[in-house]
N, C-alpha and C. Protein backbone atom coordinates (compact mmCIF):
# COMPACT_ATOMS: atom_id res chain seq x y z
N MET A 1 -14.07 -31.00 -23.73
CA MET A 1 -12.89 -31.13 -22.90
C MET A 1 -12.01 -29.89 -23.02
N LYS A 2 -11.89 -29.37 -24.24
CA LYS A 2 -11.08 -28.18 -24.47
C LYS A 2 -11.61 -27.01 -23.66
N ASN A 3 -12.94 -26.85 -23.57
CA ASN A 3 -13.54 -25.76 -22.81
C ASN A 3 -13.23 -25.88 -21.32
N VAL A 4 -13.20 -27.09 -20.79
CA VAL A 4 -12.87 -27.30 -19.38
C VAL A 4 -11.42 -26.87 -19.12
N ALA A 5 -10.52 -27.24 -20.02
CA ALA A 5 -9.11 -26.85 -19.86
C ALA A 5 -8.96 -25.34 -19.90
N ILE A 6 -9.67 -24.68 -20.80
CA ILE A 6 -9.60 -23.22 -20.90
C ILE A 6 -10.12 -22.57 -19.63
N ILE A 7 -11.20 -23.09 -19.07
CA ILE A 7 -11.75 -22.53 -17.82
C ILE A 7 -10.75 -22.70 -16.68
N ILE A 8 -10.10 -23.85 -16.59
CA ILE A 8 -9.11 -24.09 -15.53
C ILE A 8 -7.94 -23.13 -15.70
N ILE A 9 -7.46 -22.95 -16.91
CA ILE A 9 -6.33 -22.04 -17.17
C ILE A 9 -6.72 -20.61 -16.82
N LEU A 10 -7.91 -20.18 -17.21
CA LEU A 10 -8.37 -18.83 -16.87
C LEU A 10 -8.44 -18.65 -15.36
N PHE A 11 -8.99 -19.61 -14.66
CA PHE A 11 -9.12 -19.53 -13.20
C PHE A 11 -7.74 -19.41 -12.56
N GLN A 12 -6.78 -20.24 -13.01
CA GLN A 12 -5.43 -20.18 -12.44
C GLN A 12 -4.75 -18.86 -12.76
N SER A 13 -4.90 -18.35 -13.97
CA SER A 13 -4.24 -17.08 -14.32
C SER A 13 -4.81 -15.94 -13.49
N PHE A 14 -6.12 -15.91 -13.25
CA PHE A 14 -6.70 -14.86 -12.42
C PHE A 14 -6.18 -14.94 -10.99
N GLN A 15 -5.98 -16.17 -10.48
CA GLN A 15 -5.47 -16.31 -9.12
C GLN A 15 -4.03 -15.83 -9.04
N PHE A 16 -3.19 -16.13 -10.04
CA PHE A 16 -1.81 -15.65 -10.03
C PHE A 16 -1.78 -14.13 -10.16
N ILE A 17 -2.60 -13.59 -11.04
CA ILE A 17 -2.65 -12.15 -11.23
C ILE A 17 -3.03 -11.45 -9.94
N ASN A 18 -3.99 -12.00 -9.22
CA ASN A 18 -4.46 -11.39 -7.99
C ASN A 18 -3.56 -11.67 -6.81
N ALA A 19 -2.58 -12.57 -6.97
CA ALA A 19 -1.72 -12.93 -5.84
C ALA A 19 -0.73 -11.82 -5.51
N GLN A 20 -0.48 -10.89 -6.43
CA GLN A 20 0.47 -9.82 -6.13
C GLN A 20 -0.18 -8.83 -5.18
N GLU A 21 0.26 -8.89 -3.95
CA GLU A 21 -0.28 -8.10 -2.84
C GLU A 21 -0.16 -6.60 -3.10
N GLY A 22 -1.23 -5.88 -2.78
CA GLY A 22 -1.18 -4.42 -2.83
C GLY A 22 -1.79 -3.81 -4.07
N PHE A 23 -1.76 -4.46 -5.20
CA PHE A 23 -2.38 -3.93 -6.41
C PHE A 23 -3.88 -4.15 -6.33
N THR A 24 -4.64 -3.10 -6.58
CA THR A 24 -6.10 -3.19 -6.50
C THR A 24 -6.73 -2.68 -7.78
N GLU A 25 -7.94 -3.15 -8.06
CA GLU A 25 -8.68 -2.67 -9.22
C GLU A 25 -8.90 -1.17 -9.09
N THR A 26 -8.98 -0.49 -10.22
CA THR A 26 -9.13 0.96 -10.20
C THR A 26 -10.07 1.42 -11.30
N THR A 27 -10.69 2.56 -11.06
CA THR A 27 -11.49 3.21 -12.09
C THR A 27 -10.84 4.53 -12.51
N LYS A 28 -9.64 4.81 -11.98
CA LYS A 28 -8.93 6.05 -12.30
C LYS A 28 -8.38 6.04 -13.72
N TYR A 29 -8.18 4.84 -14.28
CA TYR A 29 -7.60 4.70 -15.62
C TYR A 29 -8.47 3.76 -16.43
N LEU A 30 -8.48 3.96 -17.74
CA LEU A 30 -9.24 3.09 -18.63
C LEU A 30 -8.53 2.98 -19.95
N VAL A 31 -8.99 2.05 -20.78
CA VAL A 31 -8.40 1.89 -22.11
C VAL A 31 -9.41 2.28 -23.17
N THR A 32 -8.90 2.91 -24.22
CA THR A 32 -9.70 3.18 -25.40
C THR A 32 -9.12 2.31 -26.51
N THR A 33 -9.98 1.81 -27.36
CA THR A 33 -9.55 0.90 -28.42
C THR A 33 -10.10 1.38 -29.75
N GLU A 34 -9.25 1.34 -30.76
CA GLU A 34 -9.73 1.61 -32.12
C GLU A 34 -9.21 0.52 -33.04
N ILE A 35 -10.00 0.17 -34.03
CA ILE A 35 -9.63 -0.88 -34.97
C ILE A 35 -8.77 -0.25 -36.05
N LYS A 36 -7.60 -0.87 -36.29
CA LYS A 36 -6.61 -0.31 -37.20
C LYS A 36 -7.02 -0.47 -38.67
N ASP A 37 -7.38 -1.68 -39.09
CA ASP A 37 -7.75 -1.93 -40.49
C ASP A 37 -8.98 -2.82 -40.48
N GLN A 38 -10.11 -2.25 -40.80
CA GLN A 38 -11.36 -3.00 -40.71
C GLN A 38 -11.58 -3.97 -41.86
N GLY A 39 -10.69 -4.00 -42.85
CA GLY A 39 -10.86 -4.90 -43.98
C GLY A 39 -10.31 -6.29 -43.76
N GLN A 40 -9.64 -6.53 -42.65
CA GLN A 40 -9.05 -7.83 -42.38
C GLN A 40 -9.99 -8.69 -41.54
N ASP A 41 -9.76 -10.02 -41.57
CA ASP A 41 -10.55 -10.93 -40.72
C ASP A 41 -10.30 -10.64 -39.25
N TYR A 42 -9.03 -10.43 -38.89
CA TYR A 42 -8.66 -10.13 -37.52
C TYR A 42 -7.82 -8.86 -37.51
N PRO A 43 -8.47 -7.70 -37.57
CA PRO A 43 -7.72 -6.44 -37.64
C PRO A 43 -7.02 -6.13 -36.32
N ALA A 44 -5.91 -5.41 -36.41
CA ALA A 44 -5.17 -5.01 -35.22
C ALA A 44 -5.95 -3.94 -34.45
N TYR A 45 -5.75 -3.93 -33.13
CA TYR A 45 -6.35 -2.91 -32.28
C TYR A 45 -5.26 -1.95 -31.81
N VAL A 46 -5.57 -0.67 -31.79
CA VAL A 46 -4.70 0.31 -31.16
C VAL A 46 -5.34 0.62 -29.81
N VAL A 47 -4.58 0.36 -28.74
CA VAL A 47 -5.09 0.50 -27.38
C VAL A 47 -4.35 1.65 -26.70
N ASN A 48 -5.11 2.57 -26.11
CA ASN A 48 -4.53 3.68 -25.36
C ASN A 48 -4.93 3.55 -23.90
N LEU A 49 -3.95 3.64 -23.01
CA LEU A 49 -4.22 3.71 -21.57
C LEU A 49 -4.31 5.18 -21.23
N VAL A 50 -5.47 5.62 -20.71
CA VAL A 50 -5.71 7.03 -20.43
C VAL A 50 -6.24 7.22 -19.01
N SER A 51 -6.15 8.45 -18.55
CA SER A 51 -6.74 8.82 -17.26
C SER A 51 -8.24 8.93 -17.45
N ALA A 52 -9.02 8.36 -16.52
CA ALA A 52 -10.48 8.40 -16.63
C ALA A 52 -10.99 9.83 -16.51
N GLY A 53 -10.30 10.67 -15.77
CA GLY A 53 -10.72 12.06 -15.59
C GLY A 53 -10.42 12.93 -16.80
N ASN A 54 -9.46 12.52 -17.62
CA ASN A 54 -9.07 13.31 -18.79
C ASN A 54 -8.60 12.35 -19.86
N SER A 55 -9.50 11.92 -20.74
CA SER A 55 -9.16 10.91 -21.74
C SER A 55 -8.15 11.39 -22.77
N SER A 56 -7.85 12.68 -22.80
CA SER A 56 -6.80 13.17 -23.70
C SER A 56 -5.42 13.01 -23.06
N GLU A 57 -5.39 12.64 -21.78
CA GLU A 57 -4.13 12.40 -21.06
C GLU A 57 -3.71 10.95 -21.30
N ASN A 58 -2.98 10.73 -22.40
CA ASN A 58 -2.58 9.40 -22.83
C ASN A 58 -1.32 8.96 -22.07
N ILE A 59 -1.39 7.81 -21.41
CA ILE A 59 -0.26 7.29 -20.66
C ILE A 59 0.62 6.43 -21.56
N THR A 60 -0.01 5.57 -22.35
CA THR A 60 0.74 4.74 -23.29
C THR A 60 -0.18 4.27 -24.40
N THR A 61 0.43 3.87 -25.51
CA THR A 61 -0.30 3.30 -26.64
C THR A 61 0.40 2.02 -27.04
N LEU A 62 -0.37 0.98 -27.29
CA LEU A 62 0.19 -0.25 -27.81
C LEU A 62 -0.75 -0.82 -28.86
N THR A 63 -0.19 -1.67 -29.70
CA THR A 63 -0.97 -2.29 -30.76
C THR A 63 -1.10 -3.77 -30.48
N ILE A 64 -2.32 -4.26 -30.56
CA ILE A 64 -2.59 -5.69 -30.39
C ILE A 64 -2.78 -6.26 -31.78
N GLU A 65 -1.78 -7.02 -32.22
CA GLU A 65 -1.80 -7.59 -33.56
C GLU A 65 -2.60 -8.89 -33.61
N ASP A 66 -2.47 -9.72 -32.57
CA ASP A 66 -3.10 -11.04 -32.56
C ASP A 66 -4.48 -10.95 -31.91
N THR A 67 -5.41 -10.33 -32.62
CA THR A 67 -6.74 -10.10 -32.04
C THR A 67 -7.59 -11.36 -31.98
N GLU A 68 -7.22 -12.38 -32.72
CA GLU A 68 -7.96 -13.63 -32.66
C GLU A 68 -7.81 -14.27 -31.27
N LEU A 69 -6.64 -14.13 -30.65
CA LEU A 69 -6.38 -14.72 -29.34
C LEU A 69 -6.52 -13.72 -28.19
N PHE A 70 -6.68 -12.44 -28.51
CA PHE A 70 -6.82 -11.42 -27.48
C PHE A 70 -8.06 -11.70 -26.63
N GLU A 71 -7.91 -11.60 -25.29
CA GLU A 71 -9.01 -11.91 -24.39
C GLU A 71 -9.48 -10.67 -23.63
N ASP A 72 -8.57 -9.99 -22.90
CA ASP A 72 -9.01 -8.88 -22.05
C ASP A 72 -7.82 -8.05 -21.59
N ILE A 73 -8.11 -6.89 -21.01
CA ILE A 73 -7.11 -6.01 -20.41
C ILE A 73 -7.55 -5.71 -18.99
N PHE A 74 -6.62 -5.84 -18.05
CA PHE A 74 -6.89 -5.58 -16.64
C PHE A 74 -6.00 -4.43 -16.18
N ILE A 75 -6.57 -3.49 -15.44
CA ILE A 75 -5.80 -2.35 -14.93
C ILE A 75 -5.93 -2.33 -13.42
N THR A 76 -4.79 -2.31 -12.74
CA THR A 76 -4.76 -2.21 -11.29
C THR A 76 -3.72 -1.16 -10.90
N THR A 77 -3.80 -0.66 -9.67
CA THR A 77 -2.82 0.31 -9.19
C THR A 77 -2.31 -0.08 -7.82
N LEU A 78 -1.12 0.39 -7.52
CA LEU A 78 -0.52 0.26 -6.21
C LEU A 78 -0.27 1.67 -5.70
N GLU A 79 -1.04 2.07 -4.69
CA GLU A 79 -0.88 3.40 -4.10
C GLU A 79 0.35 3.42 -3.21
N ASN A 80 1.08 4.54 -3.22
CA ASN A 80 2.25 4.74 -2.38
C ASN A 80 3.15 3.50 -2.35
N PRO A 81 3.88 3.24 -3.42
CA PRO A 81 4.70 2.03 -3.49
C PRO A 81 5.95 2.06 -2.61
N GLY A 82 6.21 3.19 -1.96
CA GLY A 82 7.39 3.26 -1.09
C GLY A 82 8.62 3.80 -1.78
N LEU A 83 8.46 4.44 -2.92
CA LEU A 83 9.57 5.06 -3.64
C LEU A 83 9.43 6.58 -3.55
N GLU A 84 10.48 7.26 -3.19
CA GLU A 84 10.43 8.71 -3.05
C GLU A 84 10.05 9.37 -4.37
N GLY A 85 9.04 10.23 -4.32
CA GLY A 85 8.60 10.96 -5.50
C GLY A 85 7.62 10.21 -6.39
N ILE A 86 7.25 8.99 -6.01
CA ILE A 86 6.30 8.18 -6.80
C ILE A 86 5.02 8.02 -5.99
N SER A 87 3.90 8.46 -6.58
CA SER A 87 2.62 8.39 -5.86
C SER A 87 1.90 7.06 -6.07
N GLU A 88 2.06 6.46 -7.24
CA GLU A 88 1.40 5.18 -7.50
C GLU A 88 2.05 4.47 -8.67
N VAL A 89 1.73 3.19 -8.79
CA VAL A 89 2.18 2.37 -9.91
C VAL A 89 0.93 1.83 -10.59
N ILE A 90 0.87 1.98 -11.90
CA ILE A 90 -0.24 1.44 -12.70
C ILE A 90 0.27 0.16 -13.35
N LYS A 91 -0.51 -0.90 -13.23
CA LYS A 91 -0.17 -2.15 -13.91
C LYS A 91 -1.28 -2.47 -14.90
N MET A 92 -0.90 -2.60 -16.17
CA MET A 92 -1.85 -2.96 -17.23
C MET A 92 -1.45 -4.34 -17.74
N GLU A 93 -2.40 -5.28 -17.64
CA GLU A 93 -2.14 -6.64 -18.09
C GLU A 93 -3.01 -6.96 -19.30
N VAL A 94 -2.36 -7.40 -20.37
CA VAL A 94 -3.05 -7.76 -21.60
C VAL A 94 -3.00 -9.28 -21.70
N GLU A 95 -4.19 -9.88 -21.77
CA GLU A 95 -4.28 -11.34 -21.75
C GLU A 95 -4.70 -11.88 -23.11
N TYR A 96 -3.97 -12.92 -23.54
CA TYR A 96 -4.28 -13.66 -24.75
C TYR A 96 -4.58 -15.09 -24.32
N LEU A 97 -5.55 -15.72 -24.99
CA LEU A 97 -5.96 -17.05 -24.59
C LEU A 97 -5.88 -18.00 -25.77
N ALA A 98 -5.04 -19.02 -25.62
CA ALA A 98 -4.96 -20.12 -26.59
C ALA A 98 -5.09 -21.39 -25.75
N CYS A 99 -4.16 -22.32 -25.89
CA CYS A 99 -4.20 -23.49 -25.00
C CYS A 99 -3.75 -23.11 -23.60
N CYS A 100 -3.02 -22.01 -23.48
CA CYS A 100 -2.61 -21.45 -22.19
C CYS A 100 -2.93 -19.95 -22.22
N ALA A 101 -2.97 -19.34 -21.05
CA ALA A 101 -3.17 -17.89 -20.99
C ALA A 101 -1.80 -17.22 -21.05
N HIS A 102 -1.65 -16.27 -21.97
CA HIS A 102 -0.42 -15.49 -22.10
C HIS A 102 -0.75 -14.08 -21.63
N VAL A 103 0.01 -13.60 -20.65
CA VAL A 103 -0.27 -12.29 -20.07
C VAL A 103 0.98 -11.41 -20.18
N GLU A 104 0.81 -10.26 -20.83
CA GLU A 104 1.87 -9.26 -20.92
C GLU A 104 1.55 -8.19 -19.89
N SER A 105 2.49 -7.93 -18.96
CA SER A 105 2.28 -6.95 -17.90
C SER A 105 3.14 -5.71 -18.15
N TYR A 106 2.47 -4.56 -18.13
CA TYR A 106 3.13 -3.27 -18.32
C TYR A 106 2.98 -2.48 -17.02
N TYR A 107 4.09 -1.95 -16.51
CA TYR A 107 4.09 -1.19 -15.26
C TYR A 107 4.48 0.26 -15.55
N PHE A 108 3.70 1.19 -15.01
CA PHE A 108 3.96 2.62 -15.17
C PHE A 108 3.97 3.27 -13.79
N MET A 109 5.09 3.91 -13.45
CA MET A 109 5.17 4.62 -12.17
C MET A 109 4.75 6.07 -12.42
N VAL A 110 3.89 6.59 -11.55
CA VAL A 110 3.40 7.96 -11.67
C VAL A 110 4.14 8.81 -10.63
N ALA A 111 4.93 9.76 -11.13
CA ALA A 111 5.69 10.64 -10.23
C ALA A 111 4.77 11.70 -9.64
N ASP A 112 5.21 12.31 -8.56
CA ASP A 112 4.42 13.36 -7.90
C ASP A 112 4.09 14.51 -8.85
N ASN A 113 4.96 14.74 -9.85
CA ASN A 113 4.72 15.80 -10.84
C ASN A 113 3.95 15.28 -12.06
N ASN A 114 3.35 14.08 -11.95
CA ASN A 114 2.56 13.40 -13.00
C ASN A 114 3.38 12.88 -14.18
N GLU A 115 4.70 12.91 -14.09
CA GLU A 115 5.54 12.28 -15.11
C GLU A 115 5.35 10.77 -15.03
N ILE A 116 5.33 10.08 -16.17
CA ILE A 116 5.16 8.63 -16.22
C ILE A 116 6.51 7.98 -16.51
N ILE A 117 6.87 7.02 -15.68
CA ILE A 117 8.12 6.27 -15.85
C ILE A 117 7.74 4.83 -16.09
N GLU A 118 8.11 4.31 -17.26
CA GLU A 118 7.72 2.95 -17.64
C GLU A 118 8.83 1.97 -17.30
N LEU A 119 8.45 0.84 -16.73
CA LEU A 119 9.38 -0.24 -16.46
C LEU A 119 9.33 -1.24 -17.62
N PRO A 120 10.39 -2.04 -17.80
CA PRO A 120 10.33 -3.07 -18.86
C PRO A 120 9.15 -4.01 -18.63
N ASP A 121 8.48 -4.40 -19.72
CA ASP A 121 7.30 -5.25 -19.57
C ASP A 121 7.72 -6.68 -19.22
N LEU A 122 6.79 -7.40 -18.61
CA LEU A 122 7.01 -8.79 -18.22
C LEU A 122 5.99 -9.67 -18.92
N LYS A 123 6.39 -10.89 -19.25
CA LYS A 123 5.49 -11.82 -19.91
C LYS A 123 5.37 -13.09 -19.06
N ASN A 124 4.14 -13.55 -18.91
CA ASN A 124 3.86 -14.78 -18.16
C ASN A 124 2.98 -15.70 -19.00
N VAL A 125 3.16 -17.00 -18.82
CA VAL A 125 2.32 -18.00 -19.46
C VAL A 125 1.75 -18.88 -18.35
N TYR A 126 0.42 -18.97 -18.31
CA TYR A 126 -0.26 -19.76 -17.29
C TYR A 126 -0.96 -20.93 -17.97
N CYS A 127 -0.44 -22.13 -17.72
CA CYS A 127 -1.05 -23.34 -18.25
C CYS A 127 -1.69 -24.10 -17.10
N GLU A 128 -2.21 -25.26 -17.39
CA GLU A 128 -2.97 -26.01 -16.40
C GLU A 128 -2.19 -26.28 -15.12
N ASN A 129 -0.90 -26.56 -15.20
CA ASN A 129 -0.11 -26.87 -14.01
C ASN A 129 0.90 -25.78 -13.67
N SER A 130 0.64 -24.55 -14.06
CA SER A 130 1.57 -23.45 -13.78
C SER A 130 1.68 -23.20 -12.29
N ASP A 131 2.91 -22.94 -11.85
CA ASP A 131 3.12 -22.63 -10.44
C ASP A 131 4.09 -21.47 -10.24
N THR A 132 4.26 -20.63 -11.26
CA THR A 132 5.20 -19.53 -11.18
C THR A 132 4.72 -18.35 -12.01
N ASP A 133 5.16 -17.16 -11.63
CA ASP A 133 4.96 -15.99 -12.47
C ASP A 133 6.03 -14.95 -12.18
N SER A 134 6.22 -14.04 -13.13
CA SER A 134 7.18 -12.94 -12.99
C SER A 134 6.42 -11.67 -12.65
N GLN A 135 7.01 -10.85 -11.77
CA GLN A 135 6.35 -9.61 -11.37
C GLN A 135 7.38 -8.66 -10.79
N TYR A 136 6.98 -7.41 -10.62
CA TYR A 136 7.80 -6.44 -9.91
C TYR A 136 7.29 -6.35 -8.48
N ILE A 137 8.22 -6.23 -7.55
CA ILE A 137 7.88 -6.01 -6.15
C ILE A 137 8.47 -4.66 -5.74
N PHE A 138 7.64 -3.85 -5.11
CA PHE A 138 8.03 -2.50 -4.71
C PHE A 138 8.28 -2.47 -3.20
N PRO A 139 9.00 -1.44 -2.70
CA PRO A 139 9.42 -1.42 -1.30
C PRO A 139 8.33 -1.65 -0.26
N ASN A 140 7.10 -1.18 -0.49
CA ASN A 140 6.08 -1.34 0.55
C ASN A 140 5.34 -2.67 0.47
N GLN A 141 5.73 -3.54 -0.43
CA GLN A 141 5.10 -4.86 -0.56
C GLN A 141 5.92 -5.91 0.20
N GLU A 142 5.29 -7.04 0.47
CA GLU A 142 6.00 -8.14 1.09
C GLU A 142 7.21 -8.49 0.22
N TYR A 143 8.35 -8.74 0.83
CA TYR A 143 9.63 -9.03 0.20
C TYR A 143 10.29 -7.80 -0.42
N GLY A 144 9.66 -6.62 -0.33
CA GLY A 144 10.23 -5.40 -0.88
C GLY A 144 11.48 -4.97 -0.14
N ILE A 145 12.34 -4.22 -0.82
CA ILE A 145 13.58 -3.69 -0.24
C ILE A 145 13.56 -2.18 -0.44
N VAL A 146 13.85 -1.44 0.62
CA VAL A 146 13.84 0.02 0.59
C VAL A 146 14.71 0.52 -0.57
N GLY A 147 14.12 1.44 -1.37
CA GLY A 147 14.85 2.07 -2.47
C GLY A 147 15.08 1.20 -3.68
N ASN A 148 14.42 0.03 -3.76
CA ASN A 148 14.64 -0.89 -4.88
C ASN A 148 13.32 -1.36 -5.48
N ILE A 149 13.36 -1.59 -6.76
CA ILE A 149 12.28 -2.24 -7.49
C ILE A 149 12.82 -3.61 -7.87
N LEU A 150 12.18 -4.66 -7.43
CA LEU A 150 12.66 -6.01 -7.67
C LEU A 150 11.87 -6.70 -8.77
N GLN A 151 12.58 -7.20 -9.76
CA GLN A 151 11.93 -8.05 -10.75
C GLN A 151 12.12 -9.47 -10.25
N THR A 152 11.02 -10.17 -9.98
CA THR A 152 11.10 -11.47 -9.33
C THR A 152 10.36 -12.54 -10.12
N GLN A 153 10.69 -13.77 -9.77
CA GLN A 153 9.93 -14.92 -10.24
C GLN A 153 9.40 -15.58 -8.97
N THR A 154 8.09 -15.64 -8.84
CA THR A 154 7.45 -16.18 -7.66
C THR A 154 6.98 -17.59 -7.94
N PHE A 155 7.29 -18.51 -7.02
CA PHE A 155 6.86 -19.89 -7.12
C PHE A 155 5.79 -20.12 -6.06
N TYR A 156 4.73 -20.83 -6.42
CA TYR A 156 3.59 -21.05 -5.54
C TYR A 156 3.46 -22.51 -5.15
N LYS A 157 3.05 -22.77 -3.89
CA LYS A 157 2.73 -24.13 -3.43
C LYS A 157 1.45 -24.59 -4.10
N ASN A 158 0.46 -23.70 -4.10
CA ASN A 158 -0.78 -23.92 -4.85
C ASN A 158 -1.04 -22.59 -5.56
N THR A 159 -2.22 -22.29 -5.97
CA THR A 159 -2.45 -21.10 -6.79
C THR A 159 -2.35 -19.78 -6.05
N SER A 160 -2.26 -19.78 -4.70
CA SER A 160 -2.19 -18.50 -4.01
C SER A 160 -1.15 -18.44 -2.89
N ASP A 161 -0.66 -19.58 -2.41
CA ASP A 161 0.34 -19.58 -1.33
C ASP A 161 1.74 -19.56 -1.92
N ILE A 162 2.53 -18.57 -1.51
CA ILE A 162 3.88 -18.42 -2.04
C ILE A 162 4.80 -19.47 -1.42
N LYS A 163 5.52 -20.18 -2.29
CA LYS A 163 6.52 -21.15 -1.84
C LYS A 163 7.84 -20.41 -1.62
N TYR A 164 8.30 -19.68 -2.63
CA TYR A 164 9.48 -18.83 -2.49
C TYR A 164 9.53 -17.83 -3.64
N VAL A 165 10.36 -16.80 -3.45
CA VAL A 165 10.51 -15.73 -4.43
C VAL A 165 11.97 -15.68 -4.85
N ASN A 166 12.20 -15.71 -6.15
CA ASN A 166 13.55 -15.69 -6.70
C ASN A 166 13.81 -14.32 -7.33
N LEU A 167 14.87 -13.65 -6.92
CA LEU A 167 15.23 -12.34 -7.47
C LEU A 167 15.85 -12.52 -8.84
N LYS A 168 15.26 -11.87 -9.86
CA LYS A 168 15.79 -11.92 -11.22
C LYS A 168 16.67 -10.70 -11.51
N GLN A 169 16.20 -9.51 -11.07
CA GLN A 169 16.94 -8.28 -11.29
C GLN A 169 16.45 -7.25 -10.28
N SER A 170 17.35 -6.36 -9.89
CA SER A 170 16.99 -5.31 -8.94
C SER A 170 17.36 -3.96 -9.56
N PHE A 171 16.45 -3.01 -9.42
CA PHE A 171 16.69 -1.65 -9.90
C PHE A 171 16.68 -0.72 -8.70
N ALA A 172 17.74 0.07 -8.55
CA ALA A 172 17.79 1.04 -7.46
C ALA A 172 17.08 2.32 -7.89
N TRP A 173 16.31 2.90 -6.98
CA TRP A 173 15.58 4.14 -7.24
C TRP A 173 16.35 5.28 -6.59
N ASN A 174 16.99 6.13 -7.42
CA ASN A 174 17.82 7.23 -6.92
C ASN A 174 17.33 8.55 -7.47
N ASP A 175 16.59 9.31 -6.67
CA ASP A 175 16.13 10.65 -7.06
C ASP A 175 15.54 10.70 -8.46
N GLY A 176 14.65 9.78 -8.76
CA GLY A 176 13.95 9.79 -10.03
C GLY A 176 14.65 9.05 -11.15
N ILE A 177 15.75 8.38 -10.85
CA ILE A 177 16.50 7.64 -11.86
C ILE A 177 16.52 6.17 -11.47
N ILE A 178 16.27 5.30 -12.43
CA ILE A 178 16.32 3.86 -12.18
C ILE A 178 17.69 3.37 -12.63
N ASP A 179 18.45 2.78 -11.70
CA ASP A 179 19.77 2.22 -11.98
C ASP A 179 19.75 0.73 -11.71
N ASP A 180 20.54 -0.03 -12.50
CA ASP A 180 20.72 -1.43 -12.17
C ASP A 180 21.43 -1.49 -10.83
N SER A 181 20.91 -2.30 -9.94
CA SER A 181 21.46 -2.40 -8.60
C SER A 181 22.27 -3.67 -8.47
N LYS A 182 23.19 -3.66 -7.57
CA LYS A 182 24.00 -4.85 -7.29
C LYS A 182 23.43 -5.63 -6.11
N THR A 183 22.22 -5.28 -5.68
CA THR A 183 21.59 -5.95 -4.55
C THR A 183 21.43 -7.44 -4.84
N THR A 184 21.81 -8.26 -3.90
CA THR A 184 21.61 -9.70 -4.03
C THR A 184 20.72 -10.14 -2.87
N ALA A 185 19.49 -9.79 -2.96
CA ALA A 185 18.55 -10.05 -1.86
C ALA A 185 18.06 -11.49 -1.90
N ILE A 186 18.01 -12.09 -0.74
CA ILE A 186 17.31 -13.35 -0.58
C ILE A 186 15.94 -12.98 -0.07
N THR A 187 14.93 -13.23 -0.85
CA THR A 187 13.62 -12.69 -0.54
C THR A 187 12.74 -13.60 0.29
N GLY A 188 12.97 -14.87 0.34
CA GLY A 188 12.15 -15.68 1.24
C GLY A 188 11.82 -17.05 0.74
N TYR A 189 11.48 -17.92 1.70
CA TYR A 189 11.05 -19.28 1.41
C TYR A 189 9.78 -19.56 2.16
């Protein structure tokens, strides 16, 4: 019975992850992993997000301490997010699996000059009856607002149809600087 519940949770989490329009799988970036201390039962992993064309071009490094529950890492990109000077957004999702799927999402904006701008990470928990997730919405995506990066909480009718989107925070994009915005957008029902 436990295995059936885990399969249902995994299926739902993949559907929520894929529900964010515009982000697509990519081979431009990959992760390298090294084991921190091999003498432990569950040693920590050091994970580097790198460019596939140049593995010495490190975008970020994080440590996965809870390797017993660690499941997988997914990398997707959003080309031309609609922000001046930003060519793409990289989203790296780290998934842990227990009774529910726990997903930590890291977003990195790639500037035209290859500078990396990191957004605050988001955490989601997908259980058997989950109907919501947190994500960033960029100007060229549905519900996007010109010149703003929206941190939202999306509610679903079922695992893929959006019921409504709730604005949690808005960041204004001004010539390469992220500012807290006073935008009070109603994004949709």
